[in-house]
Amino acid sequence: MEPQHRGQAIHEILEKFLQEFAGDRILGAAREALFASLDRHARQRLNEARPAGIPDLLWEIEQDRLLEMLHNWLDYDLSRLQDGLLPSYFELPFGDFSPKQKSPAYRVETGNLVFDFRGRIDRLDLSRDGTRARVLDYKVGSLPSTMTGKPKTPLMGGEKMQIAVYRGALSALPEFSAVREVRGEYLHLQPKDGATAPCSLDAEVLAEAIDHLPAVLEVIGEGIEGGVFFARTSGSVRPGGHCEFCDYLTICGKDRTQREERKSGDPAVSRFVQMRMVDGLLEEEE
């Protein structure tokens, strides 16, 4: 399967399965029933997403591989139910999407700029009393080695803002006003080895990310307004380079690394270096 189609299918499988067992229902369900339901949702959605022309045998192998990955995810999720956070909301919207679907946006004001974020939180886990929460973002792919264990910084030099935005969005939604502690997690389901690899952020780290976010957004916003798009061939999440994921590689050319080095001292791009300092990354690297 194409990675985009595979990721979309896995997201939908997880959403439909967890909707069936949201909240206390997952605690009262037998283990066999949970895995049977997951298999049913998975096979139905995967068959809908079957690539055209793929031979039956290869498709069976692909399905078995993805089912094993989903089983490992469910094992992981069941193993931590004792922390008291239960899967409760899925694809939770913030910000307006249509006249029929309105909710507060997450607003960040910094300098002369105002950012209104809208989106959907992949999953929200809540404690029974509604005072503790965990926001999750699913990733279908390998967890970068830079994000294993304790992350270097909350925002990875401005390259990982999604969980921080989710955390901020939760504070903007009035129905969750009782929440006092918010954890975060990038949850990677890895097709290569079938493993579930979390990158977890505790409440203190997320609070730190919220504090740093306005300064990072100010640099990005002023860069956009000024037409400054500084190409970086390497980064905090993938130090080996971002170029393999870029659609505009041919524009940069083969000498992109040398040109990046020459431009790094230009005052016009100095704030991009400052952005990494705001997040504490350069200091830690040094």
Protein backbone atom coordinates (compact mmCIF):
# COMPACT_ATOMS: atom_id res chain seq x y z
CA MET A 1 0.00 0.00 0.00
CA GLU A 2 1.05 3.58 -0.56
CA PRO A 3 2.09 5.08 2.81
CA GLN A 4 -0.60 7.79 2.63
CA HIS A 5 -3.39 5.30 1.93
CA ARG A 6 -2.07 2.91 4.56
CA GLY A 7 -1.92 5.68 7.18
CA GLN A 8 -5.45 6.82 6.41
CA ALA A 9 -6.80 3.27 6.65
CA ILE A 10 -5.05 2.60 9.97
CA HIS A 11 -6.36 5.86 11.45
CA GLU A 12 -9.92 4.91 10.47
CA ILE A 13 -9.54 1.38 11.86
CA LEU A 14 -8.35 2.69 15.23
CA GLU A 15 -11.12 5.28 15.37
CA LYS A 16 -13.95 2.83 14.63
CA PHE A 17 -12.59 0.19 16.98
CA LEU A 18 -12.13 2.59 19.90
CA GLN A 19 -15.53 4.18 19.35
CA GLU A 20 -16.99 0.75 20.00
CA PHE A 21 -15.09 0.40 23.29
CA ALA A 22 -14.74 4.00 24.49
CA GLY A 23 -14.47 4.79 28.18
CA ASP A 24 -15.35 2.09 30.68
CA ARG A 25 -16.47 -0.27 27.93
CA ILE A 26 -12.88 -1.24 27.19
CA LEU A 27 -12.44 -2.25 30.84
CA GLY A 28 -15.45 -4.55 30.82
CA ALA A 29 -14.69 -6.28 27.50
CA ALA A 30 -13.05 -9.70 27.29
CA ARG A 31 -9.63 -9.75 25.66
CA GLU A 32 -10.81 -12.19 22.98
CA ALA A 33 -13.73 -9.92 22.10
CA LEU A 34 -11.44 -6.92 21.74
CA PHE A 35 -9.08 -8.66 19.33
CA ALA A 36 -11.98 -10.14 17.36
CA SER A 37 -13.55 -6.71 16.93
CA LEU A 38 -10.22 -5.17 15.91
CA ASP A 39 -9.73 -7.88 13.29
CA ARG A 40 -13.23 -7.33 11.94
CA HIS A 41 -12.77 -3.56 11.57
CA ALA A 42 -9.29 -4.01 10.12
CA ARG A 43 -10.18 -6.59 7.47
CA GLN A 44 -13.20 -4.61 6.33
CA ARG A 45 -11.29 -1.34 5.96
CA LEU A 46 -8.17 -2.92 4.47
CA ASN A 47 -10.19 -4.74 1.84
CA GLU A 48 -11.75 -1.40 0.88
CA ALA A 49 -8.24 0.04 0.54
CA ARG A 50 -6.76 -2.89 -1.39
CA PRO A 51 -4.47 -1.56 -4.13
CA ALA A 52 -5.63 -2.31 -7.66
CA GLY A 53 -3.84 -5.16 -9.36
CA ILE A 54 -2.07 -6.59 -6.31
CA PRO A 55 -1.94 -10.43 -6.45
CA ASP A 56 -3.96 -12.32 -3.85
CA LEU A 57 -0.93 -13.86 -2.14
CA LEU A 58 0.88 -10.53 -1.78
CA TRP A 59 -2.26 -8.93 -0.43
CA GLU A 60 -2.65 -11.68 2.17
CA ILE A 61 0.94 -11.09 3.27
CA GLU A 62 0.36 -7.34 3.51
CA GLN A 63 -2.85 -7.79 5.52
CA ASP A 64 -1.22 -10.26 7.92
CA ARG A 65 1.66 -7.83 8.47
CA LEU A 66 -0.69 -4.94 9.27
CA LEU A 67 -2.91 -7.10 11.48
CA GLU A 68 0.14 -8.12 13.52
CA MET A 69 1.04 -4.43 13.87
CA LEU A 70 -2.50 -3.64 15.08
CA HIS A 71 -2.43 -6.55 17.55
CA ASN A 72 0.82 -5.21 19.01
CA TRP A 73 -0.79 -1.77 19.33
CA LEU A 74 -3.77 -3.21 21.21
CA ASP A 75 -1.46 -5.14 23.54
CA TYR A 76 0.37 -1.87 24.26
CA ASP A 77 -2.82 0.07 24.88
CA LEU A 78 -4.31 -2.58 27.18
CA SER A 79 -1.09 -2.76 29.19
CA ARG A 80 -1.43 0.84 30.37
CA LEU A 81 -5.10 1.05 31.25
CA GLN A 82 -4.11 0.95 34.92
CA ASP A 83 -2.92 4.56 34.66
CA GLY A 84 -6.60 5.55 34.75
CA LEU A 85 -6.68 7.30 31.36
CA LEU A 86 -9.36 5.79 29.13
CA PRO A 87 -9.80 6.37 25.37
CA SER A 88 -12.73 8.79 25.21
CA TYR A 89 -12.78 11.06 22.13
CA PHE A 90 -11.58 10.47 18.59
CA GLU A 91 -10.93 12.97 15.77
CA LEU A 92 -11.92 15.71 18.22
CA PRO A 93 -12.30 18.97 16.27
CA PHE A 94 -11.13 22.42 17.32
CA GLY A 95 -11.77 25.49 15.19
CA ASP A 96 -14.54 25.89 12.62
CA PHE A 97 -14.79 23.40 9.77
CA SER A 98 -18.30 24.16 8.54
CA PRO A 99 -21.41 26.08 9.64
CA LYS A 100 -22.62 22.86 11.27
CA GLN A 101 -19.33 22.05 12.97
CA LYS A 102 -18.15 24.98 15.03
CA SER A 103 -15.80 24.97 18.00
CA PRO A 104 -13.24 27.42 19.41
CA ALA A 105 -9.92 27.66 17.61
CA TYR A 106 -6.65 27.61 19.54
CA ARG A 107 -5.36 31.18 19.35
CA VAL A 108 -1.73 32.18 19.87
CA GLU A 109 -0.84 35.88 19.85
CA THR A 110 2.81 36.84 19.53
CA GLY A 111 4.33 40.16 18.49
CA ASN A 112 2.08 41.61 15.79
CA LEU A 113 0.89 38.18 14.69
CA VAL A 114 -2.18 36.14 15.55
CA PHE A 115 -2.39 32.41 14.83
CA ASP A 116 -5.72 30.59 14.93
CA PHE A 117 -5.22 26.83 14.79
CA ARG A 118 -7.90 24.42 13.75
CA GLY A 119 -7.63 20.67 13.39
CA ARG A 120 -8.64 17.34 14.86
CA ILE A 121 -7.03 15.60 17.80
CA ASP A 122 -6.53 11.98 16.78
CA ARG A 123 -7.45 10.75 20.24
CA LEU A 124 -8.12 12.08 23.72
CA ASP A 125 -7.84 9.88 26.81
CA LEU A 126 -9.53 11.07 30.02
CA SER A 127 -9.61 10.04 33.65
CA ARG A 128 -13.02 9.19 35.09
CA ASP A 129 -13.18 12.48 37.03
CA GLY A 130 -12.19 14.50 33.94
CA THR A 131 -9.18 16.16 35.58
CA ARG A 132 -6.40 14.28 33.76
CA ALA A 133 -5.97 13.87 30.02
CA ARG A 134 -3.65 12.59 27.33
CA VAL A 135 -3.66 13.87 23.75
CA LEU A 136 -2.40 11.43 21.13
CA ASP A 137 -1.28 11.75 17.55
CA TYR A 138 -1.00 8.52 15.56
CA LYS A 139 1.88 8.05 13.14
CA VAL A 140 2.05 5.05 10.83
CA GLY A 141 5.79 4.80 10.30
CA SER A 142 9.05 4.43 12.19
CA LEU A 143 9.78 6.58 15.23
CA PRO A 144 12.88 8.72 14.51
CA SER A 145 15.81 7.79 16.74
CA THR A 146 16.02 11.42 17.91
CA MET A 147 12.60 11.00 19.55
CA THR A 148 13.31 7.78 21.45
CA GLY A 149 13.49 7.95 25.20
CA LYS A 150 13.20 11.49 26.53
CA PRO A 151 12.93 14.00 23.65
CA LYS A 152 15.72 16.55 23.46
CA THR A 153 13.33 19.48 23.61
CA PRO A 154 9.54 19.92 23.64
CA LEU A 155 9.27 21.29 20.09
CA MET A 156 12.37 19.73 18.50
CA GLY A 157 13.62 23.11 17.30
CA GLY A 158 10.23 24.09 15.85
CA GLU A 159 9.81 20.85 13.86
CA LYS A 160 7.31 19.11 16.15
CA MET A 161 4.46 21.39 17.19
CA GLN A 162 1.46 19.10 16.78
CA ILE A 163 1.14 17.77 20.33
CA ALA A 164 1.75 21.24 21.78
CA VAL A 165 -1.05 22.61 19.59
CA TYR A 166 -3.33 19.73 20.66
CA ARG A 167 -2.61 20.53 24.29
CA GLY A 168 -3.37 24.21 23.72
CA ALA A 169 -6.54 23.36 21.80
CA LEU A 170 -7.81 21.27 24.68
CA SER A 171 -7.59 24.31 26.96
CA ALA A 172 -9.70 26.28 24.45
CA LEU A 173 -12.58 23.77 24.45
CA PRO A 174 -15.01 24.63 27.28
CA GLU A 175 -16.22 21.06 27.78
CA PHE A 176 -12.75 20.16 29.11
CA SER A 177 -12.42 23.02 31.58
CA ALA A 178 -12.02 20.54 34.45
CA VAL A 179 -8.77 19.14 33.01
CA ARG A 180 -5.79 20.09 35.17
CA GLU A 181 -3.05 17.80 33.85
CA VAL A 182 -2.38 17.01 30.19
CA ARG A 183 0.13 14.49 28.89
CA GLY A 184 0.96 14.00 25.23
CA GLU A 185 2.12 11.23 22.95
CA TYR A 186 3.23 10.63 19.40
CA LEU A 187 2.26 6.98 18.96
CA HIS A 188 4.09 5.33 16.08
CA LEU A 189 2.72 2.11 14.60
CA GLN A 190 5.69 0.75 12.66
CA PRO A 191 4.86 -1.38 9.60
CA LYS A 192 8.50 -2.46 9.18
CA ASP A 193 8.70 -4.47 12.41
CA GLY A 194 5.10 -4.34 13.63
CA ALA A 195 6.11 -2.65 16.88
CA THR A 196 4.32 0.16 18.68
CA ALA A 197 6.80 2.92 19.54
CA PRO A 198 5.59 5.81 21.74
CA CYS A 199 7.21 9.19 22.20
CA SER A 200 5.61 10.34 25.45
CA LEU A 201 5.60 13.87 26.85
CA ASP A 202 4.72 14.44 30.49
CA ALA A 203 2.62 17.37 31.69
CA GLU A 204 5.63 19.51 32.62
CA VAL A 205 7.27 19.08 29.21
CA LEU A 206 4.03 20.01 27.44
CA ALA A 207 3.63 23.09 29.62
CA GLU A 208 7.17 24.09 28.63
CA ALA A 209 6.27 23.60 24.97
CA ILE A 210 3.28 25.94 25.36
CA ASP A 211 5.59 28.55 26.85
CA HIS A 212 8.04 28.30 23.93
CA LEU A 213 5.46 28.05 21.14
CA PRO A 214 4.71 31.79 20.69
CA ALA A 215 8.39 32.69 20.14
CA VAL A 216 8.80 29.88 17.61
CA LEU A 217 5.63 30.89 15.76
CA GLU A 218 6.75 34.52 15.67
CA VAL A 219 9.93 33.55 13.81
CA ILE A 220 8.00 31.39 11.35
CA GLY A 221 5.27 33.97 10.81
CA GLU A 222 7.65 36.87 10.23
CA GLY A 223 9.65 34.69 7.86
CA ILE A 224 6.53 33.98 5.82
CA GLU A 225 5.54 37.66 5.77
CA GLY A 226 9.05 38.64 4.69
CA GLY A 227 9.35 35.93 2.06
CA VAL A 228 12.23 34.23 3.88
CA PHE A 229 12.19 30.50 3.28
CA PHE A 230 15.52 29.23 4.55
CA ALA A 231 16.27 25.75 3.20
CA ARG A 232 17.64 23.32 5.78
CA THR A 233 19.12 20.06 4.56
CA SER A 234 19.24 18.61 8.07
CA GLY A 235 17.12 19.04 11.15
CA SER A 236 16.38 18.12 14.73
CA VAL A 237 14.03 15.21 14.08
CA ARG A 238 16.00 13.80 11.14
CA PRO A 239 19.62 14.97 11.42
CA GLY A 240 20.47 12.92 8.33
CA GLY A 241 18.43 15.28 6.21
CA HIS A 242 14.96 16.32 5.16
CA CYS A 243 15.71 16.36 1.45
CA GLU A 244 14.56 12.79 0.81
CA PHE A 245 11.03 13.85 1.84
CA CYS A 246 10.97 17.12 -0.13
CA ASP A 247 8.92 17.57 -3.31
CA TYR A 248 11.12 20.48 -4.45
CA LEU A 249 14.50 18.79 -4.42
CA THR A 250 15.25 19.52 -8.06
CA ILE A 251 14.82 23.26 -7.46
CA CYS A 252 17.49 23.33 -4.76
CA GLY A 253 20.03 21.47 -6.88
CA LYS A 254 23.01 19.36 -5.91
CA ASP A 255 24.91 22.19 -4.19
CA ARG A 256 22.12 22.85 -1.66
CA THR A 257 24.27 21.94 1.35
CA GLN A 258 27.04 24.36 0.33
CA ARG A 259 24.53 27.14 -0.31
CA GLU A 260 22.89 26.53 3.05
CA GLU A 261 26.28 26.95 4.76
CA ARG A 262 26.96 30.20 2.89
CA LYS A 263 23.55 31.65 3.79
CA SER A 264 23.59 30.57 7.43
CA GLY A 265 25.38 33.76 8.47
CA ASP A 266 22.99 36.08 6.63
CA PRO A 267 21.04 38.35 9.02
CA ALA A 268 17.86 37.49 7.10
CA VAL A 269 18.03 33.89 8.34
CA SER A 270 19.62 34.45 11.73
CA ARG A 271 16.23 34.25 13.45
CA PHE A 272 15.83 30.67 12.28
CA VAL A 273 18.92 29.85 14.30
CA GLN A 274 17.43 31.86 17.16
CA MET A 275 14.26 29.76 16.95
CA ARG A 276 16.27 26.67 17.80
CA MET A 277 17.90 28.52 20.68
CA VAL A 278 14.47 29.50 22.04
CA ASP A 279 13.59 25.82 22.21
CA GLY A 280 16.88 25.07 23.97
CA LEU A 281 18.14 22.78 21.23
CA LEU A 282 21.42 24.41 20.28
CA GLU A 283 22.47 24.82 23.89
CA GLU A 284 21.83 21.14 24.51
CA GLU A 285 23.63 20.06 21.33
CA GLU A 286 26.67 22.10 22.32
